[in-house]
Amino acid sequence: MARILIVNDTPHLLQLLGQTLKKETDYEVIKAYDGKSAIEKINTEHPDLVVLDVVMPEMDGFEVCRRIRQNPETEDLPVIMFSALRSGRDDLAHGYEIGADAYLTDIFQPDQLLTQIRFLLRRSMKIKALKEENQRLTDRLQERQDRIDQAYLEIEKLGQDVQQNLRNISKTLSTEARSELSPLVKLVQEYVREVLDLFEGLEPRRKTVLIVDDEELVRHMIELKLKKTGFSVLTAVNGREALDVLRDPAHHVDLVICDAMMPELDGFGLVGTIRKQISTDLPVVMITAKFENEVLQNEQDRWQFDAFFTKPFDLSELYETVKRLIQERENV
């Protein structure tokens, strides 16, 4: 049974909408009387579609729709906006621009509303099924890539061990014997390199982003967005955990996103340690709710992070920045 959330601050219109929808036996109706309660019900009751009034006090329908689209967990939720007061061409354009799936100017035509609801629910089910299949395929590809990456590391380590053993042996030999052994060492090096080149040609490695933030919700939101766009993601709750991940040879991190304020080791301390001990060019994006843009601009050169965002930030803009910084590093 599809769950429909209707949002309107006028009780009699909310009741009318509810009665219209209840005629459809396949719909369960959820009601909200303002924008704030609408967001709460979306997060707790997980409706399949929202019918949203535009004109409401405090938080209007445009802002509710914008927040729905900014949340990776609800960005695909179908939204029908309606208003007789905000029915001009600019209003409709603005509604579609922020992500409305439909914009009705006469809600008292129930057939039009029900037609839109049926169409959007069918489309949503198809999109959901495609995404689930895509996720299954992505998971299978990731498992395959993980096995390839692990084999690559094991072969690389084996080659290093063989070369080291040959060097140790050569130290116990005469000069003449060492000269005879030298071509063997070079042969092993070339063979290992050829094998590793074959592995690298099998499939491009997915780029890995390390997210460091002590707020679980922030980590989760960024992780969802990046995984949906093809990145592998690692997470840490503070700077010290992040350094453990970065020093682990099993992980290859292409970019770090870190909060400025964290317990044990904050973002600035993490960036400083990365620059001194791990990498001078690993891209780092700082995120924070504590500092103004002007403060971060002044600190950027000192701490050598590559970009910054102040909370709340647009996840799509963050994704574009992550993609750009990784590409720029590869092109150097």
Protein backbone atom coordinates (compact mmCIF):
# COMPACT_ATOMS: atom_id res chain seq x y z
CA MET A 1 0.00 0.00 0.00
CA ALA A 2 1.45 3.35 -1.07
CA ARG A 3 1.90 5.93 1.67
CA ILE A 4 0.99 9.51 0.65
CA LEU A 5 1.97 12.49 2.79
CA ILE A 6 -0.23 15.56 2.28
CA VAL A 7 1.02 18.88 3.65
CA ASN A 8 -1.22 21.91 4.13
CA ASP A 9 -1.71 24.46 6.90
CA THR A 10 -5.46 24.86 6.18
CA PRO A 11 -7.44 22.16 8.08
CA HIS A 12 -10.48 21.98 5.78
CA LEU A 13 -8.30 21.71 2.64
CA LEU A 14 -6.17 19.06 4.30
CA GLN A 15 -9.36 17.15 5.10
CA LEU A 16 -10.60 17.51 1.51
CA LEU A 17 -7.33 16.18 0.12
CA GLY A 18 -7.43 13.29 2.57
CA GLN A 19 -10.93 12.33 1.52
CA THR A 20 -9.95 12.47 -2.15
CA LEU A 21 -7.01 10.14 -1.60
CA LYS A 22 -8.90 7.74 0.67
CA LYS A 23 -11.18 6.92 -2.25
CA GLU A 24 -8.18 5.08 -3.62
CA THR A 25 -8.02 1.93 -1.47
CA ASP A 26 -4.32 1.41 -2.27
CA TYR A 27 -3.27 4.62 -0.51
CA GLU A 28 -2.48 5.20 3.15
CA VAL A 29 -2.78 8.93 3.96
CA ILE A 30 -0.37 10.74 6.31
CA LYS A 31 -1.02 14.39 7.23
CA ALA A 32 1.24 17.28 8.18
CA TYR A 33 0.11 20.83 8.99
CA ASP A 34 3.32 22.75 8.27
CA GLY A 35 6.74 22.45 6.64
CA LYS A 36 8.63 21.48 9.79
CA SER A 37 6.30 18.60 10.66
CA ALA A 38 6.39 17.52 7.01
CA ILE A 39 10.18 17.07 7.16
CA GLU A 40 9.85 15.14 10.43
CA LYS A 41 7.21 12.78 8.97
CA ILE A 42 9.25 12.23 5.81
CA ASN A 43 12.22 11.14 7.95
CA THR A 44 10.20 8.98 10.37
CA GLU A 45 7.29 7.57 8.33
CA HIS A 46 8.96 7.30 4.92
CA PRO A 47 6.09 8.15 2.56
CA ASP A 48 6.16 7.07 -1.09
CA LEU A 49 4.97 10.47 -2.38
CA VAL A 50 4.37 13.99 -1.04
CA VAL A 51 1.52 16.34 -1.98
CA LEU A 52 2.85 19.70 -0.85
CA ASP A 53 1.21 23.12 -0.45
CA VAL A 54 3.45 26.00 -1.51
CA VAL A 55 2.12 28.80 0.71
CA MET A 56 2.71 28.00 4.39
CA PRO A 57 4.07 30.04 7.31
CA GLU A 58 7.69 29.73 8.57
CA MET A 59 8.79 27.04 6.10
CA ASP A 60 7.03 27.20 2.74
CA GLY A 61 6.67 24.39 0.21
CA PHE A 62 9.66 25.54 -1.85
CA GLU A 63 11.96 25.17 1.17
CA VAL A 64 10.49 21.75 2.05
CA CYS A 65 11.06 20.54 -1.52
CA ARG A 66 14.61 21.92 -1.51
CA ARG A 67 15.43 20.01 1.71
CA ILE A 68 13.93 16.81 0.30
CA ARG A 69 16.19 17.04 -2.75
CA GLN A 70 19.30 17.84 -0.68
CA ASN A 71 18.96 14.70 1.44
CA PRO A 72 20.45 11.66 -0.37
CA GLU A 73 17.92 9.40 1.37
CA THR A 74 14.91 11.35 0.00
CA GLU A 75 16.28 12.96 -3.17
CA ASP A 76 14.19 10.66 -5.38
CA LEU A 77 10.95 11.04 -3.37
CA PRO A 78 8.15 12.17 -5.77
CA VAL A 79 6.82 15.64 -4.88
CA ILE A 80 3.62 17.23 -6.21
CA MET A 81 3.43 20.92 -5.34
CA PHE A 82 0.18 22.88 -5.51
CA SER A 83 -1.01 26.43 -5.03
CA ALA A 84 -3.78 28.63 -6.38
CA LEU A 85 -2.07 31.75 -4.97
CA ARG A 86 1.39 31.02 -6.42
CA SER A 87 0.28 29.99 -9.91
CA GLY A 88 2.29 32.35 -12.14
CA ARG A 89 4.80 31.21 -14.73
CA ASP A 90 7.72 32.21 -12.49
CA ASP A 91 6.25 30.22 -9.58
CA LEU A 92 5.93 27.07 -11.69
CA ALA A 93 9.43 27.54 -13.09
CA HIS A 94 10.84 27.93 -9.57
CA GLY A 95 8.99 24.85 -8.35
CA TYR A 96 10.36 22.67 -11.15
CA GLU A 97 13.81 24.21 -10.76
CA ILE A 98 14.12 23.12 -7.12
CA GLY A 99 12.93 19.62 -7.95
CA ALA A 100 9.12 19.32 -7.97
CA ASP A 101 7.85 16.47 -10.15
CA ALA A 102 4.53 18.20 -10.77
CA TYR A 103 3.03 21.62 -10.00
CA LEU A 104 -0.75 21.95 -9.87
CA THR A 105 -2.57 25.27 -9.74
CA ASP A 106 -6.07 23.84 -9.17
CA ILE A 107 -6.11 21.22 -6.45
CA PHE A 108 -9.89 20.96 -6.64
CA GLN A 109 -9.63 18.80 -9.76
CA PRO A 110 -9.23 15.39 -8.08
CA ASP A 111 -8.88 13.47 -11.36
CA GLN A 112 -5.83 15.55 -12.31
CA LEU A 113 -4.27 15.02 -8.89
CA LEU A 114 -4.93 11.26 -8.86
CA THR A 115 -3.57 10.88 -12.39
CA GLN A 116 -0.33 12.59 -11.37
CA ILE A 117 -0.06 10.45 -8.23
CA ARG A 118 -0.54 7.18 -10.15
CA PHE A 119 1.98 8.19 -12.81
CA LEU A 120 4.63 9.31 -10.31
CA LEU A 121 4.21 6.21 -8.13
CA ARG A 122 4.66 3.92 -11.16
CA ARG A 123 7.72 5.87 -12.25
CA SER A 124 9.14 5.81 -8.72
CA MET A 125 8.74 2.01 -8.51
CA LYS A 126 10.60 1.56 -11.82
CA ILE A 127 13.39 3.91 -10.73
CA LYS A 128 13.69 2.09 -7.39
CA ALA A 129 13.91 -1.29 -9.11
CA LEU A 130 16.59 -0.01 -11.50
CA LYS A 131 18.59 1.47 -8.62
CA GLU A 132 18.40 -1.77 -6.65
CA GLU A 133 19.63 -3.74 -9.65
CA ASN A 134 22.36 -1.18 -10.25
CA GLN A 135 23.42 -1.46 -6.59
CA ARG A 136 23.57 -5.26 -6.85
CA LEU A 137 25.78 -4.98 -9.93
CA THR A 138 27.91 -2.30 -8.26
CA ASP A 139 28.39 -4.51 -5.19
CA ARG A 140 29.44 -7.45 -7.37
CA LEU A 141 31.89 -5.27 -9.29
CA GLN A 142 33.27 -3.88 -6.03
CA GLU A 143 33.79 -7.40 -4.66
CA ARG A 144 35.65 -8.29 -7.87
CA GLN A 145 37.73 -5.12 -7.69
CA ASP A 146 38.54 -5.79 -4.02
CA ARG A 147 39.84 -9.24 -4.93
CA ILE A 148 41.94 -7.75 -7.74
CA ASP A 149 43.32 -5.06 -5.42
CA GLN A 150 44.16 -7.66 -2.76
CA ALA A 151 45.89 -9.90 -5.31
CA TYR A 152 47.83 -6.89 -6.60
CA LEU A 153 49.08 -6.08 -3.08
CA GLU A 154 50.01 -9.71 -2.40
CA ILE A 155 51.97 -10.03 -5.65
CA GLU A 156 53.70 -6.71 -5.05
CA LYS A 157 54.69 -7.85 -1.53
CA LEU A 158 55.85 -11.23 -2.83
CA GLY A 159 58.04 -9.53 -5.42
CA GLN A 160 59.56 -7.28 -2.77
CA ASP A 161 60.24 -10.28 -0.51
CA VAL A 162 61.92 -12.22 -3.33
CA GLN A 163 64.08 -9.25 -4.26
CA GLN A 164 65.08 -8.70 -0.63
CA ASN A 165 65.96 -12.37 -0.18
CA LEU A 166 68.13 -12.26 -3.29
CA ARG A 167 69.89 -9.17 -1.98
CA ASN A 168 70.50 -10.88 1.37
CA ILE A 169 71.94 -13.91 -0.40
CA SER A 170 74.17 -11.74 -2.58
CA LYS A 171 75.79 -10.20 0.53
CA THR A 172 77.17 -13.65 1.46
CA LEU A 173 78.60 -14.32 -2.00
CA SER A 174 81.84 -13.41 -3.67
CA THR A 175 82.05 -10.49 -6.09
CA GLU A 176 82.01 -12.87 -9.06
CA ALA A 177 78.94 -14.72 -7.77
CA ARG A 178 77.13 -11.44 -7.07
CA SER A 179 77.69 -10.31 -10.63
CA GLU A 180 76.17 -13.59 -11.84
CA LEU A 181 73.18 -13.12 -9.51
CA SER A 182 72.52 -9.51 -10.61
CA PRO A 183 70.73 -10.43 -13.87
CA LEU A 184 68.44 -12.74 -11.87
CA VAL A 185 67.45 -9.86 -9.56
CA LYS A 186 66.67 -7.68 -12.58
CA LEU A 187 64.68 -10.51 -14.16
CA VAL A 188 62.54 -10.88 -11.02
CA GLN A 189 61.94 -7.13 -10.92
CA GLU A 190 60.85 -7.08 -14.56
CA TYR A 191 58.60 -10.10 -14.10
CA VAL A 192 56.86 -8.62 -11.05
CA ARG A 193 56.40 -5.32 -12.88
CA GLU A 194 54.85 -7.09 -15.88
CA VAL A 195 52.42 -9.00 -13.66
CA LEU A 196 51.42 -5.83 -11.81
CA ASP A 197 50.92 -4.02 -15.12
CA LEU A 198 48.52 -6.76 -16.19
CA PHE A 199 46.52 -6.28 -12.99
CA GLU A 200 46.38 -2.53 -13.46
CA GLY A 201 45.04 -3.01 -16.98
CA LEU A 202 42.15 -5.22 -15.91
CA GLU A 203 39.95 -2.47 -14.55
CA PRO A 204 40.42 1.11 -13.34
CA ARG A 205 40.54 1.27 -9.57
CA ARG A 206 37.60 3.10 -8.02
CA LYS A 207 38.68 6.30 -6.33
CA THR A 208 38.57 6.16 -2.55
CA VAL A 209 37.50 9.03 -0.29
CA LEU A 210 38.14 9.03 3.46
CA ILE A 211 35.41 10.86 5.42
CA VAL A 212 36.46 12.03 8.89
CA ASP A 213 33.77 13.48 11.16
CA ASP A 214 32.59 12.76 14.69
CA GLU A 215 28.96 13.35 13.64
CA GLU A 216 27.51 10.07 12.38
CA LEU A 217 24.74 11.78 10.38
CA VAL A 218 27.24 13.93 8.46
CA ARG A 219 29.43 10.90 7.66
CA HIS A 220 26.38 8.94 6.53
CA MET A 221 24.99 11.69 4.26
CA ILE A 222 28.33 12.27 2.50
CA GLU A 223 28.97 8.52 2.22
CA LEU A 224 25.59 7.95 0.55
CA LYS A 225 26.20 10.73 -1.97
CA LEU A 226 29.71 9.59 -2.90
CA LYS A 227 28.83 5.88 -3.16
CA LYS A 228 25.93 6.75 -5.46
CA THR A 229 28.35 8.58 -7.73
CA GLY A 230 30.87 5.75 -8.00
CA PHE A 231 33.38 6.34 -5.20
CA SER A 232 34.64 3.87 -2.63
CA VAL A 233 34.33 5.32 0.87
CA LEU A 234 36.23 4.83 4.12
CA THR A 235 35.21 6.55 7.36
CA ALA A 236 36.79 7.64 10.65
CA VAL A 237 35.38 9.47 13.68
CA ASN A 238 38.47 11.55 14.49
CA GLY A 239 41.90 12.50 13.24
CA ARG A 240 43.76 9.66 14.95
CA GLU A 241 41.54 7.02 13.38
CA ALA A 242 42.01 8.74 10.04
CA LEU A 243 45.80 8.53 10.34
CA ASP A 244 45.54 4.80 11.08
CA VAL A 245 43.55 4.37 7.85
CA LEU A 246 45.99 6.48 5.82
CA ARG A 247 49.00 4.53 7.13
CA ASP A 248 47.42 1.15 6.41
CA PRO A 249 49.04 -0.21 3.20
CA ALA A 250 45.81 -2.06 2.40
CA HIS A 251 44.09 1.27 1.69
CA HIS A 252 44.79 3.71 -1.12
CA VAL A 253 43.06 7.00 -0.30
CA ASP A 254 42.64 9.55 -3.11
CA LEU A 255 41.08 12.38 -1.08
CA VAL A 256 40.21 13.23 2.53
CA ILE A 257 37.10 15.08 3.74
CA CYS A 258 37.50 16.11 7.37
CA ASP A 259 35.63 18.14 9.96
CA ALA A 260 37.59 21.01 11.49
CA MET A 261 36.46 20.36 15.09
CA MET A 262 36.83 16.79 16.40
CA PRO A 263 37.94 15.13 19.66
CA GLU A 264 41.48 13.75 20.13
CA LEU A 265 42.88 15.20 16.90
CA ASP A 266 40.98 17.93 15.06
CA GLY A 267 40.91 18.61 11.33
CA PHE A 268 43.72 21.15 11.36
CA GLY A 269 46.00 18.77 13.27
CA LEU A 270 45.08 15.97 10.87
CA VAL A 271 45.95 18.07 7.81
CA GLY A 272 49.24 19.15 9.39
CA THR A 273 50.23 15.53 10.07
CA ILE A 274 49.20 14.45 6.57
CA ARG A 275 51.40 17.14 5.02
CA LYS A 276 54.41 16.31 7.23
CA GLN A 277 54.24 12.52 7.37
CA ILE A 278 52.03 11.10 4.63
CA SER A 279 51.62 13.24 1.52
CA THR A 280 52.22 16.81 0.45
CA ASP A 281 49.68 16.62 -2.37
CA LEU A 282 46.84 14.39 -1.07
CA PRO A 283 43.70 16.53 -1.60
CA VAL A 284 41.95 17.53 1.63
CA VAL A 285 38.52 19.18 1.90
CA MET A 286 37.70 20.82 5.24
CA ILE A 287 34.09 21.02 6.47
CA THR A 288 32.93 22.92 9.54
CA ALA A 289 30.03 24.58 11.30
CA LYS A 290 32.29 26.49 13.70
CA PHE A 291 34.15 28.90 11.44
CA GLU A 292 33.10 31.57 8.97
CA ASN A 293 34.29 31.50 5.36
CA GLU A 294 36.66 34.41 5.97
CA VAL A 295 38.40 32.55 8.82
CA LEU A 296 38.82 29.42 6.70
CA GLN A 297 40.18 31.42 3.78
CA ASN A 298 42.84 32.87 6.08
CA GLU A 299 43.71 29.42 7.45
CA GLN A 300 43.74 27.63 4.06
CA ASP A 301 47.30 28.57 3.07
CA ARG A 302 48.63 28.00 6.58
CA TRP A 303 47.24 24.46 6.93
CA GLN A 304 47.37 23.59 3.21
CA PHE A 305 43.91 22.14 2.69
CA ASP A 306 42.53 22.34 -0.85
CA ALA A 307 38.91 23.41 -0.35
CA PHE A 308 36.40 24.05 2.42
CA PHE A 309 32.65 23.99 3.04
CA THR A 310 30.65 25.45 5.91
CA LYS A 311 27.70 23.42 7.23
CA PRO A 312 25.05 23.10 5.98
CA PHE A 313 26.48 22.61 2.50
CA ASP A 314 25.21 21.36 -0.85
CA LEU A 315 26.20 17.69 -1.31
CA SER A 316 26.22 18.04 -5.09
CA GLU A 317 28.72 20.91 -4.85
CA LEU A 318 30.86 18.81 -2.51
CA TYR A 319 30.79 15.91 -4.99
CA GLU A 320 31.84 18.19 -7.87
CA THR A 321 34.73 19.55 -5.76
CA VAL A 322 35.87 16.03 -4.82
CA LYS A 323 35.80 14.92 -8.46
CA ARG A 324 37.67 18.05 -9.62
CA LEU A 325 40.44 17.80 -7.00
CA ILE A 326 41.10 14.11 -7.74
CA GLN A 327 41.24 14.79 -11.48
CA GLU A 328 43.58 17.74 -11.00
CA ARG A 329 45.97 15.59 -8.95
CA GLU A 330 45.98 12.88 -11.63
CA ASN A 331 46.70 15.41 -14.37
CA VAL A 332 49.77 16.87 -12.66
